Structure formats: C-alpha cells, structure tokens
Amino acid sequence: MIHINWKESPTIKTVTCKHADASKYLVSNVLTVGNTYEVKNETEEYLFVVDNTGKVGGFYKTYFE
C-alpha cells in the first residue's frame, strides 16, 4: 500500500499540463492548463501528481509535457 504515503514522498520531477481535454472523464476540474505539478510516482502509461485538490491523482501522460 505504497500509495498511502505518496503525498509525503519526495517529488520525482515536475511536469506542466498541456491540455485537459478528456473524452471520457472530467479532468478540467483538477488540472489547469499551464500549471506545473509535482510527480510522486510514474508508470508506463500514468503519472501520479498532486492535482488542484491537493490530493494525488493518476493521469495519462498525454496531459503533460
């Protein structure tokens, strides 16, 4: 259950949101285009970042630069 401590874990890198246009989910509520976010964990397909709500959320890498 490593995800419980992700918010307190050190930041791996920072990324900038390039778009929030999702076809299936409402991403624009938690990501703002142009904002920089701290990456807490990364997989092949997802980045787990601290979003606008202050919580760690998993998003496709396509949303970020």
Protein backbone atom coordinates (compact mmCIF):
# COMPACT_ATOMS: atom_id res chain seq x y z
CA MET A 1 0.00 0.00 0.00
CA ILE A 2 2.70 2.40 -1.08
CA HIS A 3 0.12 4.87 -2.44
CA ILE A 4 -0.85 5.90 1.10
CA ASN A 5 2.46 7.75 1.57
CA TRP A 6 2.81 9.25 -1.94
CA LYS A 7 1.84 12.77 -0.87
CA GLU A 8 4.67 12.90 1.69
CA SER A 9 7.20 11.15 -0.58
CA PRO A 10 9.86 13.19 -2.39
CA THR A 11 8.99 14.65 -5.77
CA ILE A 12 10.44 12.69 -8.71
CA LYS A 13 10.12 15.57 -11.21
CA THR A 14 7.78 18.36 -12.19
CA VAL A 15 5.61 18.46 -15.30
CA THR A 16 3.46 21.09 -16.99
CA CYS A 17 -0.14 20.41 -18.04
CA LYS A 18 -0.52 20.95 -21.79
CA HIS A 19 -4.26 20.16 -22.11
CA ALA A 20 -7.22 18.96 -20.07
CA ASP A 21 -9.43 17.79 -22.93
CA ALA A 22 -10.56 14.31 -21.92
CA SER A 23 -13.02 12.28 -23.95
CA LYS A 24 -14.29 10.10 -21.11
CA TYR A 25 -13.53 11.81 -17.78
CA LEU A 26 -13.83 15.37 -16.45
CA VAL A 27 -10.17 16.30 -15.99
CA SER A 28 -10.54 20.08 -16.23
CA ASN A 29 -11.80 20.24 -12.62
CA VAL A 30 -8.48 19.00 -11.19
CA LEU A 31 -5.88 20.05 -13.79
CA THR A 32 -5.24 23.55 -15.12
CA VAL A 33 -3.51 24.07 -18.46
CA GLY A 34 -0.13 25.74 -17.97
CA ASN A 35 0.22 24.82 -14.28
CA THR A 36 3.22 22.84 -13.04
CA TYR A 37 2.57 19.71 -10.98
CA GLU A 38 4.80 17.54 -8.78
CA VAL A 39 5.14 13.92 -9.92
CA LYS A 40 5.05 11.48 -7.00
CA ASN A 41 5.07 8.21 -8.97
CA GLU A 42 5.23 7.16 -12.61
CA THR A 43 4.26 4.08 -14.63
CA GLU A 44 4.46 3.38 -18.36
CA GLU A 45 1.06 4.96 -19.01
CA TYR A 46 0.28 7.18 -16.00
CA LEU A 47 1.75 10.00 -13.92
CA PHE A 48 0.63 10.34 -10.33
CA VAL A 49 0.67 14.05 -9.49
CA VAL A 50 -0.57 16.32 -6.72
CA ASP A 51 -3.52 17.94 -8.51
CA ASN A 52 -5.52 21.13 -7.80
CA THR A 53 -7.45 19.44 -4.98
CA GLY A 54 -4.22 18.81 -3.06
CA LYS A 55 -4.53 15.04 -3.41
CA VAL A 56 -2.50 12.62 -5.53
CA GLY A 57 -4.29 11.58 -8.70
CA GLY A 58 -3.32 9.38 -11.62
CA PHE A 59 -3.50 10.88 -15.12
CA TYR A 60 -2.43 9.78 -18.59
CA LYS A 61 0.98 11.07 -19.63
CA THR A 62 -0.63 12.71 -22.68
CA TYR A 63 -1.91 15.55 -20.49
CA PHE A 64 1.63 16.68 -19.60
CA GLU A 65 4.83 17.93 -21.24
